[in-house]
């Protein structure tokens, strides 16, 4: 979670932690017992536990297993143990963008000059490797694949807006110079980490892109009549769902064949949360 216009100088952690619902449901072991849901009746019993961060808060991220909080500030990034807030936090440099790997022991963070991605080993507290921009331009880490091999990066270079890094071999596995802009919900890896689907969040062509990272094959997924914003694979990886302003469309992963519209969503419905074949509409 980013705070680009944060005005406060500190981040306060309350007794009842605000935990992402997915993290909390999958990783209940780190949470204290007998937690209550915050309501209007009990909000007066909230108590401050501690103050997190040093300086202007720029962002906060939970590790996938919920055992670590990364607090990004104007003077550096610190990692906190939410179970024991008295522990001295771990400092991991002056990174202002970071994402956790599927194994919480690895964090990808933008380097101090922006032109590289540092891969931190949180068990040793050291930078294990560094991904240098092939175009000498700032990069931001966006999303790891579930097996930890690939990392999607947003680049400011006109020659490479989207870069998929093979972090094991420290080389780009795929580059797209034409995509204008994308964010974390605009890209998704298949469950087996072999494929990537992404959409341009600004372009109004309404075309998705399905990439086989092993062969380099790219399949275009047309059909949306205007801009598209969110994408995901189903839980088996056999199909792709893409949400646009004119509805949600589905394609076959192997052939790129259009499979239909499981749910129409129009401008009067603000959005949809996609998770496998489950769709939540707001």
Protein backbone atom coordinates (compact mmCIF):
# COMPACT_ATOMS: atom_id res chain seq x y z
CA UNK A 1 0.00 0.00 0.00
CA UNK A 2 1.48 3.33 -1.09
CA UNK A 3 0.96 6.74 0.51
CA UNK A 4 2.09 9.18 -2.23
CA UNK A 5 0.53 12.20 -0.52
CA UNK A 6 1.07 11.26 3.13
CA UNK A 7 1.25 14.23 5.44
CA UNK A 8 1.70 12.54 8.80
CA UNK A 9 5.14 11.89 10.22
CA UNK A 10 4.34 8.65 12.01
CA UNK A 11 2.29 5.52 11.57
CA UNK A 12 0.38 4.37 14.62
CA UNK A 13 -0.33 0.68 15.16
CA UNK A 14 -3.42 0.02 17.25
CA UNK A 15 -4.34 -2.93 19.43
CA UNK A 16 -6.48 -4.44 16.71
CA UNK A 17 -4.23 -4.62 13.67
CA UNK A 18 -5.63 -3.73 10.27
CA UNK A 19 -4.68 -6.90 8.41
CA UNK A 20 -5.50 -7.75 4.83
CA UNK A 21 -8.38 -10.23 4.97
CA UNK A 22 -6.59 -12.77 2.77
CA UNK A 23 -3.44 -12.68 4.89
CA UNK A 24 -5.43 -12.95 8.10
CA UNK A 25 -7.54 -15.88 6.93
CA UNK A 26 -4.56 -17.85 5.63
CA UNK A 27 -2.10 -17.02 8.40
CA UNK A 28 -4.04 -16.89 11.65
CA UNK A 29 -1.22 -18.36 13.72
CA UNK A 30 0.66 -15.06 14.13
CA UNK A 31 -2.40 -13.16 15.38
CA UNK A 32 -3.17 -12.85 19.09
CA UNK A 33 -6.10 -14.93 20.30
CA UNK A 34 -9.58 -13.56 21.04
CA UNK A 35 -9.35 -10.60 18.69
CA UNK A 36 -12.60 -8.72 18.20
CA UNK A 37 -13.93 -7.12 15.06
CA UNK A 38 -13.76 -3.32 15.34
CA UNK A 39 -17.28 -1.93 15.73
CA UNK A 40 -18.88 1.34 16.80
CA UNK A 41 -19.50 -0.21 20.22
CA UNK A 42 -15.90 -1.23 21.02
CA UNK A 43 -13.88 1.39 19.13
CA UNK A 44 -13.45 3.37 22.32
CA UNK A 45 -11.35 0.53 23.76
CA UNK A 46 -8.63 0.81 21.13
CA UNK A 47 -5.22 1.48 22.63
CA UNK A 48 -2.01 2.58 20.99
CA UNK A 49 0.69 -0.11 21.09
CA UNK A 50 3.62 1.60 19.46
CA UNK A 51 4.74 4.00 16.75
CA UNK A 52 6.15 2.58 13.55
CA UNK A 53 8.42 4.30 11.08
CA UNK A 54 10.86 7.18 11.11
CA UNK A 55 10.01 10.31 9.16
CA UNK A 56 7.44 10.73 6.41
CA UNK A 57 5.55 7.46 5.82
CA UNK A 58 5.49 6.51 2.13
CA UNK A 59 4.06 3.00 2.20
CA UNK A 60 3.37 -0.14 4.19
CA UNK A 61 3.35 -3.81 3.12
CA UNK A 62 2.58 -7.09 4.86
CA UNK A 63 4.66 -10.16 4.08
CA UNK A 64 2.67 -13.01 2.42
CA UNK A 65 2.64 -15.03 5.65
CA UNK A 66 1.62 -12.03 7.73
CA UNK A 67 4.64 -12.28 10.01
CA UNK A 68 6.37 -9.06 8.94
CA UNK A 69 5.36 -5.44 8.36
CA UNK A 70 7.50 -3.36 6.01
CA UNK A 71 7.26 0.38 6.70
CA UNK A 72 8.71 2.63 4.01
CA UNK A 73 9.67 6.17 5.00
CA UNK A 74 11.53 9.11 3.53
CA UNK A 75 14.69 8.04 5.39
CA UNK A 76 14.56 4.28 4.88
CA UNK A 77 12.58 1.06 5.20
CA UNK A 78 12.20 -0.98 8.40
CA UNK A 79 10.73 -4.43 8.96
CA UNK A 80 8.69 -5.05 12.11
CA UNK A 81 7.52 -8.17 13.91
CA UNK A 82 3.79 -7.60 14.61
CA UNK A 83 3.79 -10.24 17.35
CA UNK A 84 6.52 -8.59 19.41
CA UNK A 85 6.64 -4.87 18.69
CA UNK A 86 9.38 -4.40 21.31
CA UNK A 87 11.87 -6.07 18.97
CA UNK A 88 14.31 -3.76 17.21
CA UNK A 89 13.13 -3.43 13.59
CA UNK A 90 15.37 -4.56 10.76
CA UNK A 91 16.65 -1.78 8.48
CA UNK A 92 16.88 -2.67 4.77
CA UNK A 93 18.11 0.54 3.24
CA UNK A 94 16.53 3.55 1.61
CA UNK A 95 14.21 1.69 -0.77
CA UNK A 96 10.99 3.53 -1.54
CA UNK A 97 9.24 0.70 -3.42
CA UNK A 98 9.25 -2.95 -2.39
CA UNK A 99 7.37 -6.22 -2.78
CA UNK A 100 7.75 -9.43 -0.80
CA UNK A 101 8.53 -12.66 -2.56
CA UNK A 102 6.27 -15.69 -2.01
CA UNK A 103 8.85 -16.81 0.53
CA UNK A 104 8.85 -13.95 3.04
CA UNK A 105 12.67 -14.21 3.33
CA UNK A 106 13.13 -12.31 0.04
CA UNK A 107 12.19 -8.70 -0.67
CA UNK A 108 12.62 -6.86 -3.97
CA UNK A 109 13.22 -3.16 -3.38
CA UNK A 110 14.16 -0.27 -5.64
CA UNK A 111 17.74 0.86 -5.06
CA UNK A 112 18.62 4.32 -3.76
CA UNK A 113 19.22 5.70 -7.30
CA UNK A 114 16.17 3.94 -8.76
CA UNK A 115 18.01 2.26 -11.63
CA UNK A 116 18.27 -1.15 -10.00
CA UNK A 117 16.21 -3.61 -7.97
CA UNK A 118 17.90 -4.97 -4.85
CA UNK A 119 16.94 -8.48 -3.76
CA UNK A 120 17.25 -8.60 0.02
CA UNK A 121 17.70 -11.83 1.95
CA UNK A 122 15.85 -11.06 5.18
CA UNK A 123 17.45 -13.96 7.04
CA UNK A 124 20.94 -12.52 6.53
CA UNK A 125 19.94 -8.85 6.25
CA UNK A 126 22.06 -8.51 3.12
CA UNK A 127 21.44 -7.70 -0.54
CA UNK A 128 21.71 -11.10 -2.21
CA UNK A 129 21.68 -9.84 -5.81
CA UNK A 130 20.87 -6.79 -7.87
CA UNK A 131 18.90 -6.40 -11.10
CA UNK A 132 20.41 -3.52 -13.09
CA UNK A 133 18.22 -1.64 -15.55
CA UNK A 134 19.33 -2.52 -19.10
CA UNK A 135 18.20 0.96 -20.14
CA UNK A 136 19.67 2.98 -17.26
CA UNK A 137 16.22 4.11 -16.16
CA UNK A 138 14.24 3.94 -12.90
CA UNK A 139 12.37 0.69 -12.16
CA UNK A 140 9.68 -0.29 -9.64
CA UNK A 141 9.05 -3.89 -8.51
CA UNK A 142 5.39 -4.86 -8.93
CA UNK A 143 4.75 -8.61 -8.53
CA UNK A 144 6.56 -11.92 -7.91
CA UNK A 145 5.47 -15.19 -9.46
CA UNK A 146 4.31 -17.82 -6.98
CA UNK A 147 7.50 -19.87 -7.43
CA UNK A 148 9.69 -16.81 -6.84
CA UNK A 149 11.52 -17.11 -10.16
CA UNK A 150 9.99 -14.14 -11.96
CA UNK A 151 9.50 -10.52 -10.97
CA UNK A 152 7.39 -8.02 -12.92
CA UNK A 153 8.95 -4.55 -12.96
CA UNK A 154 7.60 -1.25 -14.22
CA UNK A 155 10.24 0.81 -16.02
CA UNK A 156 10.40 4.47 -17.01
CA UNK A 157 12.35 3.65 -20.17
CA UNK A 158 10.63 4.18 -23.51
CA UNK A 159 12.33 0.99 -24.68
CA UNK A 160 10.93 -1.20 -21.92
CA UNK A 161 7.86 -0.19 -19.93
CA UNK A 162 7.24 -3.70 -18.59
CA UNK A 163 10.09 -6.06 -17.75
CA UNK A 164 9.74 -9.60 -16.43
CA UNK A 165 12.98 -10.51 -14.69
CA UNK A 166 14.21 -14.05 -14.18
CA UNK A 167 15.62 -13.35 -10.72
CA UNK A 168 17.42 -16.69 -10.56
CA UNK A 169 19.53 -15.99 -13.65
CA UNK A 170 19.32 -12.18 -13.21
CA UNK A 171 18.24 -11.55 -16.81
CA UNK A 172 15.06 -10.16 -18.39
CA UNK A 173 12.76 -12.98 -19.50
CA UNK A 174 10.30 -10.69 -21.32
CA UNK A 175 10.10 -7.01 -22.27
CA UNK A 176 7.23 -4.89 -23.61
CA UNK A 177 8.05 -1.36 -24.74
CA UNK A 178 4.53 -0.49 -25.89
CA UNK A 179 2.50 -0.78 -22.69
CA UNK A 180 1.76 2.70 -21.31
CA UNK A 181 1.07 1.94 -17.66
CA UNK A 182 0.10 -0.94 -15.40
CA UNK A 183 -0.18 -1.72 -11.71
CA UNK A 184 -0.40 -4.83 -9.54
CA UNK A 185 -4.00 -5.68 -10.50
CA UNK A 186 -3.15 -5.27 -14.21
CA UNK A 187 -0.79 -8.26 -14.20
CA UNK A 188 -1.10 -11.86 -13.01
CA UNK A 189 0.95 -15.04 -13.14
CA UNK A 190 -0.56 -18.45 -13.80
CA UNK A 191 -0.57 -20.82 -10.79
CA UNK A 192 2.41 -22.72 -12.25
CA UNK A 193 4.29 -19.42 -12.90
CA UNK A 194 4.79 -20.32 -16.56
CA UNK A 195 2.51 -17.65 -18.02
CA UNK A 196 1.84 -13.98 -17.45
CA UNK A 197 -1.25 -12.02 -18.45
CA UNK A 198 -1.21 -8.22 -18.40
CA UNK A 199 -3.24 -5.29 -19.64
CA UNK A 200 -2.46 -1.66 -20.34
CA UNK A 201 -4.30 0.42 -17.76
CA UNK A 202 -4.29 3.56 -19.94
CA UNK A 203 -4.62 2.28 -23.50
CA UNK A 204 -8.25 2.15 -24.69
CA UNK A 205 -7.68 -0.59 -27.30
CA UNK A 206 -9.05 -3.16 -24.87
CA UNK A 207 -6.44 -5.84 -25.69
CA UNK A 208 -4.90 -8.17 -23.12
CA UNK A 209 -1.58 -9.96 -23.57
CA UNK A 210 -0.86 -13.56 -22.58
CA UNK A 211 2.84 -14.47 -22.45
CA UNK A 212 4.42 -17.92 -22.25
CA UNK A 213 7.62 -17.17 -20.33
CA UNK A 214 9.24 -20.44 -21.39
CA UNK A 215 8.72 -20.08 -25.16
CA UNK A 216 8.31 -16.31 -25.46
CA UNK A 217 4.99 -16.72 -27.30
CA UNK A 218 2.60 -13.78 -26.93
CA UNK A 219 -1.14 -14.17 -27.58
CA UNK A 220 -3.29 -11.07 -27.89
CA UNK A 221 -6.68 -11.20 -26.18
CA UNK A 222 -8.97 -8.71 -27.95
CA UNK A 223 -12.66 -8.21 -27.38
CA UNK A 224 -13.09 -5.42 -24.87
CA UNK A 225 -14.46 -2.32 -26.54
CA UNK A 226 -12.59 0.13 -24.31
CA UNK A 227 -10.11 0.34 -21.43
CA UNK A 228 -9.40 -2.69 -19.24
CA UNK A 229 -8.04 -2.68 -15.72
CA UNK A 230 -7.88 -6.01 -13.90
CA UNK A 231 -6.87 -9.55 -14.80
CA UNK A 232 -6.37 -12.96 -13.23
CA UNK A 233 -6.08 -16.68 -13.99
CA UNK A 234 -8.59 -19.20 -12.72
CA UNK A 235 -7.35 -21.50 -9.95
CA UNK A 236 -6.33 -24.22 -12.47
CA UNK A 237 -4.57 -21.82 -14.84
CA UNK A 238 -6.71 -23.06 -17.74
CA UNK A 239 -8.35 -19.73 -18.44
CA UNK A 240 -7.81 -15.98 -18.06
CA UNK A 241 -10.35 -13.43 -16.82
CA UNK A 242 -10.03 -9.76 -17.77
CA UNK A 243 -12.27 -7.02 -16.37
CA UNK A 244 -12.98 -3.95 -18.48
CA UNK A 245 -15.51 -1.17 -18.40
CA UNK A 246 -17.80 -3.25 -20.63
CA UNK A 247 -17.71 -6.44 -18.56
CA UNK A 248 -15.59 -9.46 -17.65
CA UNK A 249 -14.36 -11.69 -20.47
CA UNK A 250 -12.72 -15.11 -20.36
CA UNK A 251 -10.14 -16.75 -22.63
CA UNK A 252 -8.56 -20.19 -22.91
CA UNK A 253 -4.96 -20.12 -21.70
CA UNK A 254 -3.58 -22.59 -24.24
CA UNK A 255 -5.19 -21.31 -27.44
CA UNK A 256 -6.29 -17.79 -26.57
CA UNK A 257 -9.82 -18.73 -27.67
CA UNK A 258 -12.55 -16.42 -26.36
CA UNK A 259 -14.76 -18.40 -23.98
CA UNK A 260 -17.46 -15.83 -23.26
CA UNK A 261 -18.54 -13.28 -20.67
CA UNK A 262 -19.26 -14.89 -17.28
CA UNK A 263 -20.51 -11.56 -15.96
CA UNK A 264 -21.32 -8.21 -17.61
CA UNK A 265 -20.15 -5.15 -15.66
CA UNK A 266 -20.95 -1.70 -16.91
CA UNK A 267 -20.04 1.85 -15.95
CA UNK A 268 -22.72 2.04 -13.26
CA UNK A 269 -20.97 -0.75 -11.32
CA UNK A 270 -17.67 0.66 -9.98
CA UNK A 271 -15.61 -2.50 -10.17
CA UNK A 272 -15.03 -6.16 -9.62
CA UNK A 273 -12.52 -8.10 -7.53
CA UNK A 274 -11.24 -11.12 -9.43
CA UNK A 275 -9.91 -14.20 -7.64
CA UNK A 276 -9.68 -17.35 -9.73
CA UNK A 277 -13.24 -18.06 -10.90
CA UNK A 278 -14.74 -16.06 -8.03
CA UNK A 279 -15.94 -12.57 -8.82
CA UNK A 280 -16.96 -9.99 -6.21
CA UNK A 281 -18.85 -6.99 -7.55
CA UNK A 282 -19.13 -3.58 -5.89
